[in-house]
Amino acid sequence: MDVGLQAKYQARAQVLKALAHPSRLLIVDQLAAREHSVAELTALVGADISTVSKHLSILKTAGLVNDQRRGKQVFYSLRTPCVLSFFGCVETVLQAKLDSQIRLVR
C-alpha cells in the first residue's frame, strides 16, 4: 500500500478509535449542544475527573474538540460538528440492522 494512503487510513482510524467509547460519545453529544467545563462533563459522564480528562485528551488529540482555559477552569467545545452527520449515519445502520432482525423474527 502507498505510504500516503496508509497514513490517510491511519489518521481515519485514530478519529474512529477516539469515538469508540460510550463516555466519549456522550461527551461529543453534550458538546454538540454547547461548551462545557471539565467539572460539568464529569458530572454528566458519572466518572472521576481524571477519567473524563483522559477521554477529553483523546478527543482533543484526534481533532474533535477544542479546549480553552478561563481562570482555573477549562472549557471544551466541539471542534468538528460534522461528526454529528457521522452519528446520523451510525443511527441509520443501527435502524437497518434492527429492521432486519425484526423481519427474521416474523
Protein backbone atom coordinates (compact mmCIF):
# COMPACT_ATOMS: atom_id res chain seq x y z
CA MET A 1 0.00 0.00 0.00
CA ASP A 2 1.20 3.52 -0.81
CA VAL A 3 2.72 5.27 2.23
CA GLY A 4 0.47 8.32 1.77
CA LEU A 5 -2.61 6.15 1.53
CA GLN A 6 -1.55 4.18 4.59
CA ALA A 7 -1.11 7.43 6.56
CA LYS A 8 -4.59 8.55 5.46
CA TYR A 9 -6.21 5.37 6.75
CA GLN A 10 -4.17 5.51 9.96
CA ALA A 11 -5.42 9.06 10.58
CA ARG A 12 -9.01 7.99 9.94
CA ALA A 13 -8.61 5.08 12.34
CA GLN A 14 -7.35 7.46 15.05
CA VAL A 15 -10.54 9.53 14.78
CA LEU A 16 -12.74 6.44 14.86
CA LYS A 17 -10.83 5.00 17.84
CA ALA A 18 -11.32 8.29 19.67
CA LEU A 19 -15.07 7.90 19.22
CA ALA A 20 -15.08 4.21 20.15
CA HIS A 21 -16.11 4.60 23.78
CA PRO A 22 -19.60 5.27 25.21
CA SER A 23 -18.36 8.06 27.51
CA ARG A 24 -16.62 9.84 24.65
CA LEU A 25 -19.76 9.55 22.51
CA LEU A 26 -21.74 11.10 25.36
CA ILE A 27 -19.20 13.92 25.67
CA VAL A 28 -19.39 14.67 21.94
CA ASP A 29 -23.20 14.69 22.08
CA GLN A 30 -23.14 17.10 25.04
CA LEU A 31 -20.62 19.37 23.35
CA ALA A 32 -22.82 19.48 20.26
CA ALA A 33 -25.34 21.49 22.30
CA ARG A 34 -22.85 23.87 23.97
CA GLU A 35 -19.43 24.10 25.54
CA HIS A 36 -18.92 22.51 28.95
CA SER A 37 -16.35 22.71 31.70
CA VAL A 38 -14.48 19.60 32.78
CA ALA A 39 -16.48 19.65 36.03
CA GLU A 40 -19.79 19.69 34.13
CA LEU A 41 -18.68 16.84 31.88
CA THR A 42 -17.50 14.86 34.89
CA ALA A 43 -20.98 15.12 36.40
CA LEU A 44 -22.64 14.16 33.10
CA VAL A 45 -20.40 11.17 32.47
CA GLY A 46 -20.53 9.99 36.07
CA ALA A 47 -16.81 9.24 36.29
CA ASP A 48 -13.94 10.79 38.20
CA ILE A 49 -12.24 13.89 36.83
CA SER A 50 -9.05 12.07 35.83
CA THR A 51 -11.01 9.60 33.69
CA VAL A 52 -13.01 12.36 31.99
CA SER A 53 -9.83 14.37 31.44
CA LYS A 54 -8.26 11.36 29.73
CA HIS A 55 -11.32 10.98 27.48
CA LEU A 56 -11.12 14.68 26.61
CA SER A 57 -7.41 14.37 25.85
CA ILE A 58 -8.12 11.53 23.41
CA LEU A 59 -10.85 13.56 21.70
CA LYS A 60 -8.58 16.61 21.51
CA THR A 61 -5.65 14.64 20.07
CA ALA A 62 -7.97 13.27 17.39
CA GLY A 63 -9.01 16.83 16.49
CA LEU A 64 -12.61 16.52 17.62
CA VAL A 65 -12.69 19.05 20.47
CA ASN A 66 -11.10 22.35 21.44
CA ASP A 67 -10.21 23.48 24.92
CA GLN A 68 -10.00 26.95 26.38
CA ARG A 69 -8.68 27.85 29.81
CA ARG A 70 -10.59 30.52 31.72
CA GLY A 71 -9.02 31.14 35.08
CA LYS A 72 -8.79 27.80 36.84
CA GLN A 73 -11.40 26.10 34.67
CA VAL A 74 -11.02 24.50 31.24
CA PHE A 75 -13.95 24.59 28.86
CA TYR A 76 -14.39 22.22 25.93
CA SER A 77 -16.28 22.74 22.70
CA LEU A 78 -16.91 20.61 19.65
CA ARG A 79 -14.32 21.48 17.01
CA THR A 80 -15.85 19.46 14.19
CA PRO A 81 -19.67 19.48 14.21
CA CYS A 82 -19.63 17.38 11.03
CA VAL A 83 -19.05 14.36 13.29
CA LEU A 84 -22.76 14.61 14.11
CA SER A 85 -23.52 13.66 10.48
CA PHE A 86 -21.49 10.51 11.05
CA PHE A 87 -23.61 9.80 14.15
CA GLY A 88 -26.70 10.10 11.95
CA CYS A 89 -25.20 7.54 9.60
CA VAL A 90 -24.48 5.21 12.52
CA GLU A 91 -28.12 5.53 13.66
CA THR A 92 -29.24 4.60 10.12
CA VAL A 93 -27.05 1.49 10.20
CA LEU A 94 -28.42 0.51 13.63
CA GLN A 95 -32.02 1.01 12.47
CA ALA A 96 -31.41 -1.10 9.34
CA LYS A 97 -29.89 -3.85 11.49
CA LEU A 98 -32.87 -3.74 13.85
CA ASP A 99 -35.34 -3.82 10.95
CA SER A 100 -33.53 -6.86 9.52
CA GLN A 101 -33.66 -8.66 12.86
CA ILE A 102 -37.37 -7.91 13.22
CA ARG A 103 -38.03 -9.32 9.73
CA LEU A 104 -36.17 -12.51 10.68
CA VAL A 105 -38.28 -12.96 13.81
CA ARG A 106 -41.52 -12.57 11.85
